[in-house]
Amino acid sequence: MASKIKKGDTVVVLRGRERGKTGEVIKVLRDENKVIVKDVNIVKKHVKGIPNVREGGIYEMEAPLHISNVMLLCPKCNKPTRVGFRIERDGDTLKKYRYCKKCHQNIDLVRTKERVKV
């Protein structure tokens, strides 16, 4: 199944101490149902140094958020929205789109499939 939130999407955080913040999705962890959002949910991590590889110290990095705690910010209406999928016919091909459930505009193309004539 196609993911409703992808890398590069702008999302709004709905729950937790970072509620209300917006940011771009850096990475989607599909197996864990989590996303990493740029400049949101910053944590400090103590890292041991490895000679000739990295210097040890305290690093600040983004921690993952559960995917249910973020909502896509629609690029058309600029509001947080739920995402649906729509299949449209274009000649002999079928195109699957993600769309905004508030303004009903297509967000992006998910995939194209050739239609088989019977």
PDB file of N, CA and C in Angstrom:
ATOM      1  N   MET A   1       0.840  -1.190   0.000  1.00  0.00           N
ATOM      2  CA  MET A   1       0.000   0.000   0.000  1.00  0.00           C
ATOM      3  C   MET A   1       0.875   1.240   0.000  1.00  0.00           C
ATOM      4  N   ALA A   2       0.452   2.239  -0.739  1.00  0.00           N
ATOM      5  CA  ALA A   2       1.203   3.482  -0.818  1.00  0.00           C
ATOM      6  C   ALA A   2       1.091   4.245   0.494  1.00  0.00           C
ATOM      7  N   SER A   3       2.151   4.945   0.833  1.00  0.00           N
ATOM      8  CA  SER A   3       2.174   5.702   2.072  1.00  0.00           C
ATOM      9  C   SER A   3       1.481   7.048   1.887  1.00  0.00           C
ATOM     10  N   LYS A   4       0.766   7.493   2.904  1.00  0.00           N
ATOM     11  CA  LYS A   4       0.080   8.770   2.825  1.00  0.00           C
ATOM     12  C   LYS A   4       1.026   9.939   3.072  1.00  0.00           C
ATOM     13  N   ILE A   5       2.137   9.680   3.743  1.00  0.00           N
ATOM     14  CA  ILE A   5       3.153  10.708   3.976  1.00  0.00           C
ATOM     15  C   ILE A   5       4.463  10.224   3.384  1.00  0.00           C
ATOM     16  N   LYS A   6       5.104  11.088   2.598  1.00  0.00           N
ATOM     17  CA  LYS A   6       6.332  10.722   1.908  1.00  0.00           C
ATOM     18  C   LYS A   6       7.465  11.663   2.287  1.00  0.00           C
ATOM     19  N   LYS A   7       8.675  11.265   1.927  1.00  0.00           N
ATOM     20  CA  LYS A   7       9.842  12.116   2.117  1.00  0.00           C
ATOM     21  C   LYS A   7       9.655  13.389   1.296  1.00  0.00           C
ATOM     22  N   GLY A   8       9.946  14.529   1.909  1.00  0.00           N
ATOM     23  CA  GLY A   8       9.802  15.807   1.224  1.00  0.00           C
ATOM     24  C   GLY A   8       8.490  16.519   1.488  1.00  0.00           C
ATOM     25  N   ASP A   9       7.507  15.836   2.078  1.00  0.00           N
ATOM     26  CA  ASP A   9       6.228  16.469   2.405  1.00  0.00           C
ATOM     27  C   ASP A   9       6.397  17.425   3.580  1.00  0.00           C
ATOM     28  N   THR A  10       5.583  18.464   3.613  1.00  0.00           N
ATOM     29  CA  THR A  10       5.529  19.363   4.753  1.00  0.00           C
ATOM     30  C   THR A  10       4.392  18.892   5.650  1.00  0.00           C
ATOM     31  N   VAL A  11       4.708  18.690   6.937  1.00  0.00           N
ATOM     32  CA  VAL A  11       3.717  18.156   7.875  1.00  0.00           C
ATOM     33  C   VAL A  11       3.594  19.063   9.089  1.00  0.00           C
ATOM     34  N   VAL A  12       2.468  18.917   9.797  1.00  0.00           N
ATOM     35  CA  VAL A  12       2.202  19.623  11.043  1.00  0.00           C
ATOM     36  C   VAL A  12       2.147  18.577  12.150  1.00  0.00           C
ATOM     37  N   VAL A  13       2.800  18.849  13.283  1.00  0.00           N
ATOM     38  CA  VAL A  13       2.780  17.923  14.414  1.00  0.00           C
ATOM     39  C   VAL A  13       1.498  18.147  15.205  1.00  0.00           C
ATOM     40  N   LEU A  14       0.767  17.053  15.500  1.00  0.00           N
ATOM     41  CA  LEU A  14      -0.527  17.146  16.179  1.00  0.00           C
ATOM     42  C   LEU A  14      -0.452  16.887  17.673  1.00  0.00           C
ATOM     43  N   ARG A  15       0.488  16.056  18.116  1.00  0.00           N
ATOM     44  CA  ARG A  15       0.551  15.645  19.515  1.00  0.00           C
ATOM     45  C   ARG A  15       1.971  15.786  20.060  1.00  0.00           C
ATOM     46  N   GLY A  16       2.066  15.866  21.375  1.00  0.00           N
ATOM     47  CA  GLY A  16       3.361  15.897  22.032  1.00  0.00           C
ATOM     48  C   GLY A  16       3.827  17.302  22.335  1.00  0.00           C
ATOM     49  N   ARG A  17       5.061  17.393  22.820  1.00  0.00           N
ATOM     50  CA  ARG A  17       5.589  18.697  23.226  1.00  0.00           C
ATOM     51  C   ARG A  17       5.898  19.598  22.030  1.00  0.00           C
ATOM     52  N   GLU A  18       5.957  19.037  20.851  1.00  0.00           N
ATOM     53  CA  GLU A  18       6.245  19.805  19.633  1.00  0.00           C
ATOM     54  C   GLU A  18       4.967  20.159  18.864  1.00  0.00           C
ATOM     55  N   ARG A  19       3.802  20.070  19.514  1.00  0.00           N
ATOM     56  CA  ARG A  19       2.518  20.311  18.867  1.00  0.00           C
ATOM     57  C   ARG A  19       2.473  21.674  18.183  1.00  0.00           C
ATOM     58  N   GLY A  20       1.976  21.687  16.952  1.00  0.00           N
ATOM     59  CA  GLY A  20       1.817  22.929  16.216  1.00  0.00           C
ATOM     60  C   GLY A  20       2.980  23.278  15.315  1.00  0.00           C
ATOM     61  N   LYS A  21       4.123  22.639  15.495  1.00  0.00           N
ATOM     62  CA  LYS A  21       5.283  22.942  14.663  1.00  0.00           C
ATOM     63  C   LYS A  21       5.139  22.284  13.295  1.00  0.00           C
ATOM     64  N   THR A  22       5.718  22.934  12.291  1.00  0.00           N
ATOM     65  CA  THR A  22       5.713  22.373  10.944  1.00  0.00           C
ATOM     66  C   THR A  22       7.138  22.113  10.505  1.00  0.00           C
ATOM     67  N   GLY A  23       7.288  21.175   9.607  1.00  0.00           N
ATOM     68  CA  GLY A  23       8.609  20.862   9.090  1.00  0.00           C
ATOM     69  C   GLY A  23       8.518  19.900   7.925  1.00  0.00           C
ATOM     70  N   GLU A  24       9.663  19.688   7.279  1.00  0.00           N
ATOM     71  CA  GLU A  24       9.736  18.804   6.129  1.00  0.00           C
ATOM     72  C   GLU A  24      10.156  17.409   6.576  1.00  0.00           C
ATOM     73  N   VAL A  25       9.535  16.391   6.001  1.00  0.00           N
ATOM     74  CA  VAL A  25       9.868  15.011   6.331  1.00  0.00           C
ATOM     75  C   VAL A  25      11.211  14.669   5.699  1.00  0.00           C
ATOM     76  N   ILE A  26      12.171  14.262   6.544  1.00  0.00           N
ATOM     77  CA  ILE A  26      13.505  13.885   6.080  1.00  0.00           C
ATOM     78  C   ILE A  26      13.531  12.411   5.695  1.00  0.00           C
ATOM     79  N   LYS A  27      12.873  11.584   6.531  1.00  0.00           N
ATOM     80  CA  LYS A  27      12.925  10.150   6.327  1.00  0.00           C
ATOM     81  C   LYS A  27      11.645   9.517   6.847  1.00  0.00           C
ATOM     82  N   VAL A  28      11.174   8.473   6.146  1.00  0.00           N
ATOM     83  CA  VAL A  28      10.019   7.706   6.578  1.00  0.00           C
ATOM     84  C   VAL A  28      10.504   6.314   6.957  1.00  0.00           C
ATOM     85  N   LEU A  29      10.239   5.915   8.205  1.00  0.00           N
ATOM     86  CA  LEU A  29      10.608   4.585   8.684  1.00  0.00           C
ATOM     87  C   LEU A  29       9.360   3.711   8.606  1.00  0.00           C
ATOM     88  N   ARG A  30       9.172   3.037   7.476  1.00  0.00           N
ATOM     89  CA  ARG A  30       7.929   2.307   7.204  1.00  0.00           C
ATOM     90  C   ARG A  30       7.714   1.135   8.152  1.00  0.00           C
ATOM     91  N   ASP A  31       8.786   0.414   8.506  1.00  0.00           N
ATOM     92  CA  ASP A  31       8.633  -0.754   9.377  1.00  0.00           C
ATOM     93  C   ASP A  31       8.179  -0.368  10.784  1.00  0.00           C
ATOM     94  N   GLU A  32       8.577   0.828  11.224  1.00  0.00           N
ATOM     95  CA  GLU A  32       8.245   1.287  12.570  1.00  0.00           C
ATOM     96  C   GLU A  32       7.061   2.254  12.596  1.00  0.00           C
ATOM     97  N   ASN A  33       6.516   2.611  11.412  1.00  0.00           N
ATOM     98  CA  ASN A  33       5.428   3.593  11.289  1.00  0.00           C
ATOM     99  C   ASN A  33       5.819   4.925  11.912  1.00  0.00           C
ATOM    100  N   LYS A  34       7.029   5.399  11.620  1.00  0.00           N
ATOM    101  CA  LYS A  34       7.513   6.661  12.160  1.00  0.00           C
ATOM    102  C   LYS A  34       8.103   7.523  11.056  1.00  0.00           C
ATOM    103  N   VAL A  35       8.171   8.822  11.326  1.00  0.00           N
ATOM    104  CA  VAL A  35       8.787   9.773  10.405  1.00  0.00           C
ATOM    105  C   VAL A  35       9.768  10.637  11.179  1.00  0.00           C
ATOM    106  N   ILE A  36      10.790  11.115  10.474  1.00  0.00           N
ATOM    107  CA  ILE A  36      11.731  12.067  11.052  1.00  0.00           C
ATOM    108  C   ILE A  36      11.498  13.395  10.351  1.00  0.00           C
ATOM    109  N   VAL A  37      11.197  14.440  11.132  1.00  0.00           N
ATOM    110  CA  VAL A  37      10.858  15.757  10.609  1.00  0.00           C
ATOM    111  C   VAL A  37      11.997  16.721  10.938  1.00  0.00           C
ATOM    112  N   LYS A  38      12.397  17.508   9.937  1.00  0.00           N
ATOM    113  CA  LYS A  38      13.513  18.436  10.092  1.00  0.00           C
ATOM    114  C   LYS A  38      13.205  19.501  11.149  1.00  0.00           C
ATOM    115  N   ASP A  39      14.145  19.687  12.083  1.00  0.00           N
ATOM    116  CA  ASP A  39      14.078  20.689  13.154  1.00  0.00           C
ATOM    117  C   ASP A  39      12.886  20.512  14.098  1.00  0.00           C
ATOM    118  N   VAL A  40      12.368  19.298  14.225  1.00  0.00           N
ATOM    119  CA  VAL A  40      11.275  19.006  15.148  1.00  0.00           C
ATOM    120  C   VAL A  40      11.685  17.795  15.972  1.00  0.00           C
ATOM    121  N   ASN A  41      11.338  17.785  17.274  1.00  0.00           N
ATOM    122  CA  ASN A  41      11.645  16.696  18.192  1.00  0.00           C
ATOM    123  C   ASN A  41      13.159  16.495  18.326  1.00  0.00           C
ATOM    124  N   ILE A  42      13.856  17.579  18.605  1.00  0.00           N
ATOM    125  CA  ILE A  42      15.309  17.560  18.763  1.00  0.00           C
ATOM    126  C   ILE A  42      15.657  16.954  20.122  1.00  0.00           C
ATOM    127  N   VAL A  43      16.562  15.972  20.129  1.00  0.00           N
ATOM    128  CA  VAL A  43      17.039  15.342  21.357  1.00  0.00           C
ATOM    129  C   VAL A  43      18.557  15.406  21.381  1.00  0.00           C
ATOM    130  N   LYS A  44      19.125  15.283  22.579  1.00  0.00           N
ATOM    131  CA  LYS A  44      20.578  15.253  22.728  1.00  0.00           C
ATOM    132  C   LYS A  44      21.005  13.812  22.908  1.00  0.00           C
ATOM    133  N   LYS A  45      22.031  13.419  22.173  1.00  0.00           N
ATOM    134  CA  LYS A  45      22.517  12.049  22.243  1.00  0.00           C
ATOM    135  C   LYS A  45      23.999  12.060  22.564  1.00  0.00           C
ATOM    136  N   HIS A  46      24.392  11.278  23.553  1.00  0.00           N
ATOM    137  CA  HIS A  46      25.796  11.146  23.915  1.00  0.00           C
ATOM    138  C   HIS A  46      26.422  10.096  23.015  1.00  0.00           C
ATOM    139  N   VAL A  47      27.438  10.508  22.269  1.00  0.00           N
ATOM    140  CA  VAL A  47      28.059   9.629  21.285  1.00  0.00           C
ATOM    141  C   VAL A  47      29.512   9.411  21.649  1.00  0.00           C
ATOM    142  N   LYS A  48      29.917   8.155  21.655  1.00  0.00           N
ATOM    143  CA  LYS A  48      31.304   7.809  21.942  1.00  0.00           C
ATOM    144  C   LYS A  48      32.134   8.033  20.686  1.00  0.00           C
ATOM    145  N   GLY A  49      33.307   8.580  20.861  1.00  0.00           N
ATOM    146  CA  GLY A  49      34.181   8.847  19.733  1.00  0.00           C
ATOM    147  C   GLY A  49      34.832   7.586  19.189  1.00  0.00           C
ATOM    148  N   ILE A  50      35.053   7.575  17.886  1.00  0.00           N
ATOM    149  CA  ILE A  50      35.754   6.490  17.217  1.00  0.00           C
ATOM    150  C   ILE A  50      36.965   7.126  16.527  1.00  0.00           C
ATOM    151  N   PRO A  51      38.186   6.660  16.849  1.00  0.00           N
ATOM    152  CA  PRO A  51      39.388   7.272  16.252  1.00  0.00           C
ATOM    153  C   PRO A  51      39.340   7.249  14.721  1.00  0.00           C
ATOM    154  N   ASN A  52      39.699   8.371  14.119  1.00  0.00           N
ATOM    155  CA  ASN A  52      39.748   8.562  12.658  1.00  0.00           C
ATOM    156  C   ASN A  52      38.389   8.450  11.968  1.00  0.00           C
ATOM    157  N   VAL A  53      37.277   8.397  12.729  1.00  0.00           N
ATOM    158  CA  VAL A  53      35.951   8.323  12.123  1.00  0.00           C
ATOM    159  C   VAL A  53      35.090   9.504  12.567  1.00  0.00           C
ATOM    160  N   ARG A  54      34.869   9.637  13.888  1.00  0.00           N
ATOM    161  CA  ARG A  54      34.076  10.755  14.387  1.00  0.00           C
ATOM    162  C   ARG A  54      34.562  11.140  15.777  1.00  0.00           C
ATOM    163  N   GLU A  55      34.256  12.368  16.115  1.00  0.00           N
ATOM    164  CA  GLU A  55      34.622  12.889  17.424  1.00  0.00           C
ATOM    165  C   GLU A  55      33.476  12.624  18.395  1.00  0.00           C
ATOM    166  N   GLY A  56      33.788  12.236  19.601  1.00  0.00           N
ATOM    167  CA  GLY A  56      32.769  11.991  20.607  1.00  0.00           C
ATOM    168  C   GLY A  56      32.214  13.289  21.150  1.00  0.00           C
ATOM    169  N   GLY A  57      31.079  13.193  21.819  1.00  0.00           N
ATOM    170  CA  GLY A  57      30.481  14.373  22.422  1.00  0.00           C
ATOM    171  C   GLY A  57      28.979  14.250  22.503  1.00  0.00           C
ATOM    172  N   ILE A  58      28.329  15.367  22.732  1.00  0.00           N
ATOM    173  CA  ILE A  58      26.876  15.414  22.824  1.00  0.00           C
ATOM    174  C   ILE A  58      26.363  16.032  21.526  1.00  0.00           C
ATOM    175  N   TYR A  59      25.599  15.262  20.767  1.00  0.00           N
ATOM    176  CA  TYR A  59      25.060  15.699  19.488  1.00  0.00           C
ATOM    177  C   TYR A  59      23.566  15.945  19.612  1.00  0.00           C
ATOM    178  N   GLU A  60      23.070  16.949  18.895  1.00  0.00           N
ATOM    179  CA  GLU A  60      21.632  17.194  18.808  1.00  0.00           C
ATOM    180  C   GLU A  60      21.151  16.649  17.473  1.00  0.00           C
ATOM    181  N   MET A  61      20.088  15.847  17.535  1.00  0.00           N
ATOM    182  CA  MET A  61      19.549  15.255  16.314  1.00  0.00           C
ATOM    183  C   MET A  61      18.033  15.105  16.433  1.00  0.00           C
ATOM    184  N   GLU A  62      17.398  14.916  15.278  1.00  0.00           N
ATOM    185  CA  GLU A  62      15.953  14.739  15.257  1.00  0.00           C
ATOM    186  C   GLU A  62      15.608  13.304  15.628  1.00  0.00           C
ATOM    187  N   ALA A  63      14.640  13.139  16.521  1.00  0.00           N
ATOM    188  CA  ALA A  63      14.152  11.816  16.893  1.00  0.00           C
ATOM    189  C   ALA A  63      12.875  11.534  16.097  1.00  0.00           C
ATOM    190  N   PRO A  64      12.573  10.257  15.859  1.00  0.00           N
ATOM    191  CA  PRO A  64      11.375   9.925  15.084  1.00  0.00           C
ATOM    192  C   PRO A  64      10.082  10.231  15.839  1.00  0.00           C
ATOM    193  N   LEU A  65       9.046  10.586  15.087  1.00  0.00           N
ATOM    194  CA  LEU A  65       7.688  10.775  15.603  1.00  0.00           C
ATOM    195  C   LEU A  65       6.802   9.695  14.988  1.00  0.00           C
ATOM    196  N   HIS A  66       5.793   9.251  15.735  1.00  0.00           N
ATOM    197  CA  HIS A  66       4.872   8.282  15.158  1.00  0.00           C
ATOM    198  C   HIS A  66       4.079   8.960  14.053  1.00  0.00           C
ATOM    199  N   ILE A  67       3.825   8.218  12.982  1.00  0.00           N
ATOM    200  CA  ILE A  67       3.182   8.787  11.792  1.00  0.00           C
ATOM    201  C   ILE A  67       1.761   9.256  12.078  1.00  0.00           C
ATOM    202  N   SER A  68       1.119   8.704  13.123  1.00  0.00           N
ATOM    203  CA  SER A  68      -0.236   9.131  13.467  1.00  0.00           C
ATOM    204  C   SER A  68      -0.247  10.488  14.160  1.00  0.00           C
ATOM    205  N   ASN A  69       0.912  10.968  14.587  1.00  0.00           N
ATOM    206  CA  ASN A  69       0.993  12.250  15.282  1.00  0.00           C
ATOM    207  C   ASN A  69       1.331  13.414  14.366  1.00  0.00           C
ATOM    208  N   VAL A  70       1.393  13.165  13.066  1.00  0.00           N
ATOM    209  CA  VAL A  70       1.640  14.238  12.105  1.00  0.00           C
ATOM    210  C   VAL A  70       0.548  14.215  11.042  1.00  0.00           C
ATOM    211  N   MET A  71       0.307  15.385  10.433  1.00  0.00           N
ATOM    212  CA  MET A  71      -0.695  15.492   9.385  1.00  0.00           C
ATOM    213  C   MET A  71      -0.116  16.309   8.239  1.00  0.00           C
ATOM    214  N   LEU A  72      -0.393  15.873   7.028  1.00  0.00           N
ATOM    215  CA  LEU A  72       0.123  16.534   5.835  1.00  0.00           C
ATOM    216  C   LEU A  72      -0.443  17.943   5.704  1.00  0.00           C
ATOM    217  N   LEU A  73       0.423  18.894   5.356  1.00  0.00           N
ATOM    218  CA  LEU A  73       0.007  20.263   5.076  1.00  0.00           C
ATOM    219  C   LEU A  73      -0.207  20.359   3.570  1.00  0.00           C
ATOM    220  N   CYS A  74      -1.448  20.568   3.152  1.00  0.00           N
ATOM    221  CA  CYS A  74      -1.785  20.580   1.723  1.00  0.00           C
ATOM    222  C   CYS A  74      -1.063  21.729   1.025  1.00  0.00           C
ATOM    223  N   PRO A  75      -0.343  21.442  -0.080  1.00  0.00           N
ATOM    224  CA  PRO A  75       0.346  22.515  -0.795  1.00  0.00           C
ATOM    225  C   PRO A  75      -0.597  23.462  -1.523  1.00  0.00           C
ATOM    226  N   LYS A  76      -1.840  23.042  -1.789  1.00  0.00           N
ATOM    227  CA  LYS A  76      -2.791  23.881  -2.521  1.00  0.00           C
ATOM    228  C   LYS A  76      -3.546  24.830  -1.589  1.00  0.00           C
ATOM    229  N   CYS A  77      -4.165  24.272  -0.522  1.00  0.00           N
ATOM    230  CA  CYS A  77      -4.976  25.106   0.377  1.00  0.00           C
ATOM    231  C   CYS A  77      -4.220  25.514   1.638  1.00  0.00           C
ATOM    232  N   ASN A  78      -3.005  24.989   1.836  1.00  0.00           N
ATOM    233  CA  ASN A  78      -2.126  25.347   2.952  1.00  0.00           C
ATOM    234  C   ASN A  78      -2.776  25.095   4.318  1.00  0.00           C
ATOM    235  N   LYS A  79      -3.529  23.972   4.419  1.00  0.00           N
ATOM    236  CA  LYS A  79      -4.162  23.579   5.673  1.00  0.00           C
ATOM    237  C   LYS A  79      -3.787  22.133   5.972  1.00  0.00           C
ATOM    238  N   PRO A  80      -3.725  21.754   7.267  1.00  0.00           N
ATOM    239  CA  PRO A  80      -3.506  20.338   7.587  1.00  0.00           C
ATOM    240  C   PRO A  80      -4.706  19.528   7.117  1.00  0.00           C
ATOM    241  N   THR A  81      -4.436  18.397   6.475  1.00  0.00           N
ATOM    242  CA  THR A  81      -5.520  17.635   5.881  1.00  0.00           C
ATOM    243  C   THR A  81      -5.256  16.143   5.923  1.00  0.00           C
ATOM    244  N   ARG A  82      -6.338  15.379   5.843  1.00  0.00           N
ATOM    245  CA  ARG A  82      -6.212  13.947   5.647  1.00  0.00           C
ATOM    246  C   ARG A  82      -5.941  13.711   4.169  1.00  0.00           C
ATOM    247  N   VAL A  83      -5.370  12.559   3.869  1.00  0.00           N
ATOM    248  CA  VAL A  83      -4.979  12.249   2.500  1.00  0.00           C
ATOM    249  C   VAL A  83      -5.777  11.059   2.015  1.00  0.00           C
ATOM    250  N   GLY A  84      -6.267  11.144   0.784  1.00  0.00           N
ATOM    251  CA  GLY A  84      -6.962  10.033   0.157  1.00  0.00           C
ATOM    252  C   GLY A  84      -6.268   9.657  -1.130  1.00  0.00           C
ATOM    253  N   PHE A  85      -6.710   8.574  -1.726  1.00  0.00           N
ATOM    254  CA  PHE A  85      -6.166   8.133  -3.001  1.00  0.00           C
ATOM    255  C   PHE A  85      -7.276   8.124  -4.029  1.00  0.00           C
ATOM    256  N   ARG A  86      -6.943   8.534  -5.254  1.00  0.00           N
ATOM    257  CA  ARG A  86      -7.904   8.630  -6.336  1.00  0.00           C
ATOM    258  C   ARG A  86      -7.266   8.003  -7.577  1.00  0.00           C
ATOM    259  N   ILE A  87      -8.027   7.184  -8.280  1.00  0.00           N
ATOM    260  CA  ILE A  87      -7.548   6.589  -9.524  1.00  0.00           C
ATOM    261  C   ILE A  87      -8.299   7.243 -10.670  1.00  0.00           C
ATOM    262  N   GLU A  88      -7.554   7.807 -11.632  1.00  0.00           N
ATOM    263  CA  GLU A  88      -8.153   8.480 -12.776  1.00  0.00           C
ATOM    264  C   GLU A  88      -7.692   7.808 -14.058  1.00  0.00           C
ATOM    265  N   ARG A  89      -8.575   7.769 -15.028  1.00  0.00           N
ATOM    266  CA  ARG A  89      -8.259   7.171 -16.309  1.00  0.00           C
ATOM    267  C   ARG A  89      -7.770   8.260 -17.258  1.00  0.00           C
ATOM    268  N   ASP A  90      -6.646   8.007 -17.913  1.00  0.00           N
ATOM    269  CA  ASP A  90      -6.087   8.939 -18.888  1.00  0.00           C
ATOM    270  C   ASP A  90      -5.790   8.145 -20.156  1.00  0.00           C
ATOM    271  N   GLY A  91      -6.792   8.042 -21.026  1.00  0.00           N
ATOM    272  CA  GLY A  91      -6.627   7.227 -22.227  1.00  0.00           C
ATOM    273  C   GLY A  91      -6.616   5.755 -21.852  1.00  0.00           C
ATOM    274  N   ASP A  92      -5.524   5.073 -22.178  1.00  0.00           N
ATOM    275  CA  ASP A  92      -5.399   3.648 -21.849  1.00  0.00           C
ATOM    276  C   ASP A  92      -4.641   3.407 -20.561  1.00  0.00           C
ATOM    277  N   THR A  93      -4.296   4.446 -19.835  1.00  0.00           N
ATOM    278  CA  THR A  93      -3.538   4.267 -18.598  1.00  0.00           C
ATOM    279  C   THR A  93      -4.376   4.678 -17.394  1.00  0.00           C
ATOM    280  N   LEU A  94      -4.068   4.058 -16.282  1.00  0.00           N
ATOM    281  CA  LEU A  94      -4.687   4.430 -15.013  1.00  0.00           C
ATOM    282  C   LEU A  94      -3.639   5.142 -14.182  1.00  0.00           C
ATOM    283  N   LYS A  95      -4.001   6.274 -13.591  1.00  0.00           N
ATOM    284  CA  LYS A  95      -3.080   7.046 -12.765  1.00  0.00           C
ATOM    285  C   LYS A  95      -3.640   7.150 -11.355  1.00  0.00           C
ATOM    286  N   LYS A  96      -2.774   6.868 -10.378  1.00  0.00           N
ATOM    287  CA  LYS A  96      -3.173   6.925  -8.975  1.00  0.00           C
ATOM    288  C   LYS A  96      -2.576   8.180  -8.352  1.00  0.00           C
ATOM    289  N   TYR A  97      -3.427   9.006  -7.756  1.00  0.00           N
ATOM    290  CA  TYR A  97      -3.016  10.263  -7.151  1.00  0.00           C
ATOM    291  C   TYR A  97      -3.296  10.253  -5.655  1.00  0.00           C
ATOM    292  N   ARG A  98      -2.484  11.012  -4.902  1.00  0.00           N
ATOM    293  CA  ARG A  98      -2.857  11.386  -3.540  1.00  0.00           C
ATOM    294  C   ARG A  98      -3.636  12.680  -3.671  1.00  0.00           C
ATOM    295  N   TYR A  99      -4.698  12.845  -2.866  1.00  0.00           N
ATOM    296  CA  TYR A  99      -5.450  14.097  -2.931  1.00  0.00           C
ATOM    297  C   TYR A  99      -5.831  14.585  -1.545  1.00  0.00           C
ATOM    298  N   CYS A 100      -6.032  15.890  -1.448  1.00  0.00           N
ATOM    299  CA  CYS A 100      -6.423  16.563  -0.207  1.00  0.00           C
ATOM    300  C   CYS A 100      -7.920  16.360   0.005  1.00  0.00           C
ATOM    301  N   LYS A 101      -8.303  15.921   1.192  1.00  0.00           N
ATOM    302  CA  LYS A 101      -9.717  15.675   1.470  1.00  0.00           C
ATOM    303  C   LYS A 101     -10.470  16.950   1.845  1.00  0.00           C
ATOM    304  N   LYS A 102      -9.768  18.093   1.967  1.00  0.00           N
ATOM    305  CA  LYS A 102     -10.450  19.357   2.246  1.00  0.00           C
ATOM    306  C   LYS A 102     -10.780  20.096   0.949  1.00  0.00           C
ATOM    307  N   CYS A 103      -9.774  20.255   0.078  1.00  0.00           N
ATOM    308  CA  CYS A 103     -10.007  21.019  -1.152  1.00  0.00           C
ATOM    309  C   CYS A 103     -10.191  20.123  -2.375  1.00  0.00           C
ATOM    310  N   HIS A 104     -10.031  18.805  -2.209  1.00  0.00           N
ATOM    311  CA  HIS A 104     -10.230  17.804  -3.259  1.00  0.00           C
ATOM    312  C   HIS A 104      -9.318  18.004  -4.469  1.00  0.00           C
ATOM    313  N   GLN A 105      -8.150  18.594  -4.260  1.00  0.00           N
ATOM    314  CA  GLN A 105      -7.177  18.778  -5.341  1.00  0.00           C
ATOM    315  C   GLN A 105      -6.126  17.681  -5.265  1.00  0.00           C
ATOM    316  N   ASN A 106      -5.620  17.257  -6.429  1.00  0.00           N
ATOM    317  CA  ASN A 106      -4.565  16.252  -6.460  1.00  0.00           C
ATOM    318  C   ASN A 106      -3.278  16.835  -5.897  1.00  0.00           C
ATOM    319  N   ILE A 107      -2.597  16.051  -5.054  1.00  0.00           N
ATOM    320  CA  ILE A 107      -1.326  16.483  -4.478  1.00  0.00           C
ATOM    321  C   ILE A 107      -0.182  16.058  -5.380  1.00  0.00           C
ATOM    322  N   ASP A 108      -0.112  14.755  -5.673  1.00  0.00           N
ATOM    323  CA  ASP A 108       0.919  14.266  -6.582  1.00  0.00           C
ATOM    324  C   ASP A 108       0.534  12.908  -7.136  1.00  0.00           C
ATOM    325  N   LEU A 109       1.253  12.494  -8.189  1.00  0.00           N
ATOM    326  CA  LEU A 109       1.042  11.212  -8.830  1.00  0.00           C
ATOM    327  C   LEU A 109       1.787  10.142  -8.057  1.00  0.00           C
ATOM    328  N   VAL A 110       1.091   9.066  -7.692  1.00  0.00           N
ATOM    329  CA  VAL A 110       1.714   7.968  -6.967  1.00  0.00           C
ATOM    330  C   VAL A 110       2.324   6.983  -7.951  1.00  0.00           C
ATOM    331  N   ARG A 111       1.544   6.544  -8.928  1.00  0.00           N
ATOM    332  CA  ARG A 111       2.076   5.640  -9.945  1.00  0.00           C
ATOM    333  C   ARG A 111       1.144   5.596 -11.142  1.00  0.00           C
ATOM    334  N   THR A 112       1.677   5.073 -12.248  1.00  0.00           N
ATOM    335  CA  THR A 112       0.922   4.916 -13.482  1.00  0.00           C
ATOM    336  C   THR A 112       0.915   3.445 -13.842  1.00  0.00           C
ATOM    337  N   LYS A 113      -0.217   2.951 -14.302  1.00  0.00           N
ATOM    338  CA  LYS A 113      -0.334   1.544 -14.677  1.00  0.00           C
ATOM    339  C   LYS A 113      -1.008   1.466 -16.043  1.00  0.00           C
ATOM    340  N   GLU A 114      -0.409   0.640 -16.921  1.00  0.00           N
ATOM    341  CA  GLU A 114      -0.994   0.453 -18.239  1.00  0.00           C
ATOM    342  C   GLU A 114      -2.287  -0.362 -18.126  1.00  0.00           C
ATOM    343  N   ARG A 115      -3.283   0.060 -18.848  1.00  0.00           N
ATOM    344  CA  ARG A 115      -4.555  -0.656 -18.824  1.00  0.00           C
ATOM    345  C   ARG A 115      -4.532  -1.749 -19.871  1.00  0.00           C
ATOM    346  N   VAL A 116      -4.984  -2.921 -19.491  1.00  0.00           N
ATOM    347  CA  VAL A 116      -5.012  -4.064 -20.396  1.00  0.00           C
ATOM    348  C   VAL A 116      -6.394  -4.132 -21.042  1.00  0.00           C
ATOM    349  N   LYS A 117      -6.415  -4.164 -22.389  1.00  0.00           N
ATOM    350  CA  LYS A 117      -7.673  -4.263 -23.108  1.00  0.00           C
ATOM    351  C   LYS A 117      -8.101  -5.717 -23.197  1.00  0.00           C
ATOM    352  N   VAL A 118      -9.379  -5.964 -22.918  1.00  0.00           N
ATOM    353  CA  VAL A 118      -9.883  -7.341 -22.945  1.00  0.00           C
ATOM    354  C   VAL A 118     -10.700  -7.557 -24.178  1.00  0.00           C
TER     355      VAL A 118
END
